[in-house]
Amino acid sequence: MSALAMAYIFILAVFAGVEVIGRVPTVLHTPLMSGANAIHGIVLIGGVYVLGMAGDNVSLKVMGFLAVVLGTLNVVGGFVVTDRMLEMFKARPKDNK
């Protein structure tokens, strides 16, 4: 696969991701975070693939590195937000005084 074809795939994936996530209402954003984590997992796999196929092409290495870093930040942030949301639903301990 040529460098230009991989660059096109990367750019199309960015636009598709923005369109999908951009249409989610703010109220539903946190409950859908686990689904978004799956999407960002795919971004991570794509970034690793681009990095592996980049060879000596610096622009592909930069795009792959950015995909891996941003995808990782989104996955970790999604798990943190989901964990905090689930903490709200746990029963609080009662005082036995």
N, C-alpha and C. Protein backbone atom coordinates (compact mmCIF):
# COMPACT_ATOMS: atom_id res chain seq x y z
N MET A 1 0.86 -1.17 0.00
CA MET A 1 0.00 0.00 0.00
C MET A 1 0.90 1.23 0.00
N SER A 2 0.59 2.18 -0.86
CA SER A 2 1.44 3.36 -0.98
C SER A 2 1.23 4.33 0.18
N ALA A 3 2.19 5.21 0.37
CA ALA A 3 2.11 6.20 1.44
C ALA A 3 0.92 7.14 1.22
N LEU A 4 0.65 7.48 -0.01
CA LEU A 4 -0.47 8.37 -0.31
C LEU A 4 -1.80 7.69 0.03
N ALA A 5 -1.94 6.41 -0.26
CA ALA A 5 -3.17 5.68 0.06
C ALA A 5 -3.36 5.60 1.57
N MET A 6 -2.27 5.35 2.32
CA MET A 6 -2.39 5.28 3.77
C MET A 6 -2.73 6.65 4.36
N ALA A 7 -2.21 7.72 3.77
CA ALA A 7 -2.54 9.07 4.22
C ALA A 7 -4.02 9.36 3.97
N TYR A 8 -4.54 8.95 2.82
CA TYR A 8 -5.97 9.12 2.53
C TYR A 8 -6.84 8.36 3.54
N ILE A 9 -6.46 7.14 3.85
CA ILE A 9 -7.21 6.35 4.83
C ILE A 9 -7.20 7.03 6.19
N PHE A 10 -6.06 7.54 6.59
CA PHE A 10 -5.94 8.25 7.87
C PHE A 10 -6.85 9.47 7.91
N ILE A 11 -6.82 10.28 6.85
CA ILE A 11 -7.64 11.49 6.81
C ILE A 11 -9.12 11.15 6.79
N LEU A 12 -9.52 10.14 6.03
CA LEU A 12 -10.92 9.72 6.01
C LEU A 12 -11.36 9.20 7.37
N ALA A 13 -10.48 8.48 8.07
CA ALA A 13 -10.82 7.98 9.40
C ALA A 13 -11.01 9.13 10.38
N VAL A 14 -10.20 10.17 10.26
CA VAL A 14 -10.36 11.35 11.12
C VAL A 14 -11.73 11.99 10.88
N PHE A 15 -12.07 12.22 9.61
CA PHE A 15 -13.37 12.84 9.30
C PHE A 15 -14.54 11.97 9.75
N ALA A 16 -14.44 10.66 9.55
CA ALA A 16 -15.51 9.76 9.97
C ALA A 16 -15.67 9.79 11.49
N GLY A 17 -14.56 9.77 12.21
CA GLY A 17 -14.62 9.83 13.67
C GLY A 17 -15.24 11.12 14.18
N VAL A 18 -14.87 12.23 13.58
CA VAL A 18 -15.43 13.52 14.00
C VAL A 18 -16.93 13.55 13.73
N GLU A 19 -17.36 13.04 12.60
CA GLU A 19 -18.79 13.03 12.28
C GLU A 19 -19.58 12.13 13.23
N VAL A 20 -19.04 10.97 13.54
CA VAL A 20 -19.75 10.04 14.42
C VAL A 20 -19.84 10.59 15.83
N ILE A 21 -18.73 11.03 16.39
CA ILE A 21 -18.71 11.52 17.76
C ILE A 21 -19.39 12.89 17.86
N GLY A 22 -19.27 13.70 16.84
CA GLY A 22 -19.87 15.04 16.85
C GLY A 22 -21.38 15.02 16.88
N ARG A 23 -22.00 13.98 16.44
CA ARG A 23 -23.47 13.91 16.40
C ARG A 23 -24.08 13.32 17.67
N VAL A 24 -23.25 12.94 18.62
CA VAL A 24 -23.75 12.40 19.89
C VAL A 24 -24.12 13.57 20.81
N PRO A 25 -25.36 13.60 21.32
CA PRO A 25 -25.73 14.68 22.24
C PRO A 25 -24.88 14.64 23.51
N THR A 26 -24.67 15.81 24.10
CA THR A 26 -23.83 15.92 25.29
C THR A 26 -24.35 15.05 26.43
N VAL A 27 -25.66 14.93 26.57
CA VAL A 27 -26.24 14.14 27.66
C VAL A 27 -25.88 12.66 27.53
N LEU A 28 -25.73 12.18 26.31
CA LEU A 28 -25.44 10.76 26.09
C LEU A 28 -23.95 10.47 25.98
N HIS A 29 -23.11 11.48 26.07
CA HIS A 29 -21.69 11.26 25.83
C HIS A 29 -21.06 10.30 26.84
N THR A 30 -21.33 10.50 28.14
CA THR A 30 -20.72 9.63 29.15
C THR A 30 -21.21 8.19 29.07
N PRO A 31 -22.52 7.94 28.93
CA PRO A 31 -22.96 6.53 28.81
C PRO A 31 -22.40 5.83 27.58
N LEU A 32 -22.10 6.57 26.55
CA LEU A 32 -21.58 5.95 25.33
C LEU A 32 -20.06 5.87 25.32
N MET A 33 -19.42 6.20 26.44
CA MET A 33 -17.96 6.22 26.48
C MET A 33 -17.36 4.85 26.24
N SER A 34 -18.01 3.79 26.72
CA SER A 34 -17.45 2.46 26.50
C SER A 34 -17.47 2.10 25.01
N GLY A 35 -18.50 2.54 24.30
CA GLY A 35 -18.52 2.33 22.86
C GLY A 35 -17.45 3.14 22.16
N ALA A 36 -17.22 4.34 22.66
CA ALA A 36 -16.17 5.18 22.09
C ALA A 36 -14.80 4.56 22.35
N ASN A 37 -14.64 3.88 23.49
CA ASN A 37 -13.37 3.21 23.77
C ASN A 37 -13.09 2.14 22.73
N ALA A 38 -14.12 1.45 22.28
CA ALA A 38 -13.92 0.44 21.24
C ALA A 38 -13.46 1.10 19.94
N ILE A 39 -14.05 2.25 19.62
CA ILE A 39 -13.65 2.99 18.41
C ILE A 39 -12.19 3.43 18.53
N HIS A 40 -11.81 3.91 19.71
CA HIS A 40 -10.44 4.38 19.88
C HIS A 40 -9.46 3.21 19.91
N GLY A 41 -9.93 2.05 20.31
CA GLY A 41 -9.09 0.86 20.20
C GLY A 41 -8.76 0.56 18.74
N ILE A 42 -9.73 0.78 17.86
CA ILE A 42 -9.50 0.60 16.42
C ILE A 42 -8.51 1.65 15.93
N VAL A 43 -8.63 2.89 16.45
CA VAL A 43 -7.67 3.94 16.09
C VAL A 43 -6.26 3.52 16.50
N LEU A 44 -6.13 2.94 17.69
CA LEU A 44 -4.81 2.47 18.14
C LEU A 44 -4.25 1.41 17.21
N ILE A 45 -5.07 0.47 16.83
CA ILE A 45 -4.62 -0.60 15.92
C ILE A 45 -4.21 0.00 14.58
N GLY A 46 -5.01 0.93 14.08
CA GLY A 46 -4.66 1.59 12.82
C GLY A 46 -3.36 2.37 12.92
N GLY A 47 -3.16 3.06 14.04
CA GLY A 47 -1.93 3.82 14.23
C GLY A 47 -0.71 2.91 14.29
N VAL A 48 -0.85 1.80 14.98
CA VAL A 48 0.26 0.84 15.05
C VAL A 48 0.54 0.26 13.67
N TYR A 49 -0.50 0.00 12.91
CA TYR A 49 -0.33 -0.52 11.54
C TYR A 49 0.39 0.49 10.67
N VAL A 50 -0.04 1.75 10.74
CA VAL A 50 0.62 2.79 9.95
C VAL A 50 2.08 2.93 10.36
N LEU A 51 2.36 2.88 11.66
CA LEU A 51 3.75 2.95 12.12
C LEU A 51 4.57 1.78 11.59
N GLY A 52 3.98 0.60 11.59
CA GLY A 52 4.69 -0.58 11.11
C GLY A 52 4.97 -0.55 9.63
N MET A 53 4.10 0.07 8.85
CA MET A 53 4.25 0.11 7.40
C MET A 53 4.93 1.38 6.90
N ALA A 54 5.26 2.31 7.80
CA ALA A 54 5.79 3.61 7.39
C ALA A 54 7.17 3.52 6.76
N GLY A 55 8.00 2.60 7.21
CA GLY A 55 9.35 2.50 6.66
C GLY A 55 10.15 3.75 6.98
N ASP A 56 10.67 4.40 5.94
CA ASP A 56 11.46 5.62 6.14
C ASP A 56 10.64 6.89 5.93
N ASN A 57 9.34 6.77 5.70
CA ASN A 57 8.49 7.93 5.45
C ASN A 57 8.19 8.64 6.77
N VAL A 58 8.74 9.83 6.93
CA VAL A 58 8.61 10.57 8.19
C VAL A 58 7.17 11.02 8.42
N SER A 59 6.47 11.45 7.37
CA SER A 59 5.10 11.93 7.56
C SER A 59 4.17 10.81 8.05
N LEU A 60 4.36 9.60 7.55
CA LEU A 60 3.55 8.48 8.03
C LEU A 60 3.90 8.12 9.47
N LYS A 61 5.17 8.22 9.81
CA LYS A 61 5.57 7.96 11.19
C LYS A 61 4.93 8.97 12.14
N VAL A 62 4.88 10.23 11.73
CA VAL A 62 4.27 11.28 12.56
C VAL A 62 2.77 11.03 12.69
N MET A 63 2.09 10.72 11.58
CA MET A 63 0.65 10.46 11.65
C MET A 63 0.35 9.23 12.50
N GLY A 64 1.13 8.18 12.35
CA GLY A 64 0.93 6.98 13.15
C GLY A 64 1.17 7.24 14.62
N PHE A 65 2.22 8.00 14.92
CA PHE A 65 2.52 8.33 16.31
C PHE A 65 1.39 9.17 16.92
N LEU A 66 0.90 10.16 16.18
CA LEU A 66 -0.21 10.98 16.68
C LEU A 66 -1.46 10.13 16.90
N ALA A 67 -1.73 9.21 16.00
CA ALA A 67 -2.91 8.33 16.16
C ALA A 67 -2.77 7.49 17.41
N VAL A 68 -1.59 6.96 17.66
CA VAL A 68 -1.39 6.12 18.85
C VAL A 68 -1.51 6.96 20.12
N VAL A 69 -0.89 8.13 20.15
CA VAL A 69 -0.94 8.98 21.35
C VAL A 69 -2.36 9.46 21.62
N LEU A 70 -3.03 10.00 20.61
CA LEU A 70 -4.39 10.52 20.82
C LEU A 70 -5.38 9.41 21.12
N GLY A 71 -5.25 8.27 20.45
CA GLY A 71 -6.12 7.14 20.75
C GLY A 71 -5.93 6.63 22.17
N THR A 72 -4.68 6.58 22.62
CA THR A 72 -4.40 6.14 23.99
C THR A 72 -4.99 7.11 25.00
N LEU A 73 -4.82 8.41 24.76
CA LEU A 73 -5.41 9.40 25.67
C LEU A 73 -6.92 9.26 25.75
N ASN A 74 -7.55 9.03 24.62
CA ASN A 74 -9.01 8.88 24.62
C ASN A 74 -9.46 7.61 25.33
N VAL A 75 -8.75 6.52 25.13
CA VAL A 75 -9.12 5.26 25.80
C VAL A 75 -8.96 5.40 27.31
N VAL A 76 -7.82 5.92 27.75
CA VAL A 76 -7.58 6.07 29.19
C VAL A 76 -8.59 7.05 29.79
N GLY A 77 -8.81 8.18 29.12
CA GLY A 77 -9.79 9.14 29.61
C GLY A 77 -11.19 8.57 29.67
N GLY A 78 -11.54 7.75 28.68
CA GLY A 78 -12.86 7.11 28.68
C GLY A 78 -13.04 6.17 29.84
N PHE A 79 -12.01 5.40 30.15
CA PHE A 79 -12.11 4.50 31.29
C PHE A 79 -12.19 5.27 32.61
N VAL A 80 -11.47 6.37 32.72
CA VAL A 80 -11.52 7.18 33.94
C VAL A 80 -12.91 7.77 34.13
N VAL A 81 -13.48 8.32 33.06
CA VAL A 81 -14.82 8.90 33.15
C VAL A 81 -15.86 7.84 33.46
N THR A 82 -15.75 6.69 32.81
CA THR A 82 -16.70 5.60 33.07
C THR A 82 -16.60 5.12 34.51
N ASP A 83 -15.38 5.00 35.02
CA ASP A 83 -15.20 4.58 36.41
C ASP A 83 -15.81 5.59 37.38
N ARG A 84 -15.61 6.86 37.12
CA ARG A 84 -16.20 7.89 38.00
C ARG A 84 -17.73 7.86 37.92
N MET A 85 -18.26 7.61 36.73
CA MET A 85 -19.71 7.55 36.58
C MET A 85 -20.27 6.35 37.36
N LEU A 86 -19.60 5.21 37.29
CA LEU A 86 -20.07 4.02 38.00
C LEU A 86 -19.95 4.19 39.51
N GLU A 87 -18.98 4.97 39.98
CA GLU A 87 -18.84 5.24 41.41
C GLU A 87 -20.07 5.98 41.95
N MET A 88 -20.72 6.76 41.13
CA MET A 88 -21.91 7.52 41.57
C MET A 88 -23.07 6.59 41.90
N PHE A 89 -23.10 5.41 41.32
CA PHE A 89 -24.21 4.50 41.53
C PHE A 89 -24.00 3.52 42.68
N LYS A 90 -22.83 3.52 43.29
CA LYS A 90 -22.58 2.63 44.42
C LYS A 90 -23.23 3.18 45.68
N ALA A 91 -23.71 2.26 46.51
CA ALA A 91 -24.33 2.66 47.78
C ALA A 91 -23.26 3.20 48.72
N ARG A 92 -23.60 4.27 49.40
CA ARG A 92 -22.66 4.86 50.35
C ARG A 92 -22.78 4.14 51.69
N PRO A 93 -21.68 3.97 52.40
CA PRO A 93 -21.75 3.32 53.71
C PRO A 93 -22.53 4.18 54.71
N LYS A 94 -23.34 3.52 55.54
CA LYS A 94 -24.15 4.22 56.53
C LYS A 94 -23.35 4.37 57.82
N ASP A 95 -23.56 5.48 58.52
CA ASP A 95 -22.92 5.68 59.83
C ASP A 95 -23.66 4.86 60.87
N ASN A 96 -22.94 4.09 61.67
CA ASN A 96 -23.54 3.29 62.72
C ASN A 96 -23.15 3.88 64.08
N LYS A 97 -23.67 5.03 64.39
CA LYS A 97 -23.35 5.70 65.67
C LYS A 97 -24.50 5.56 66.63
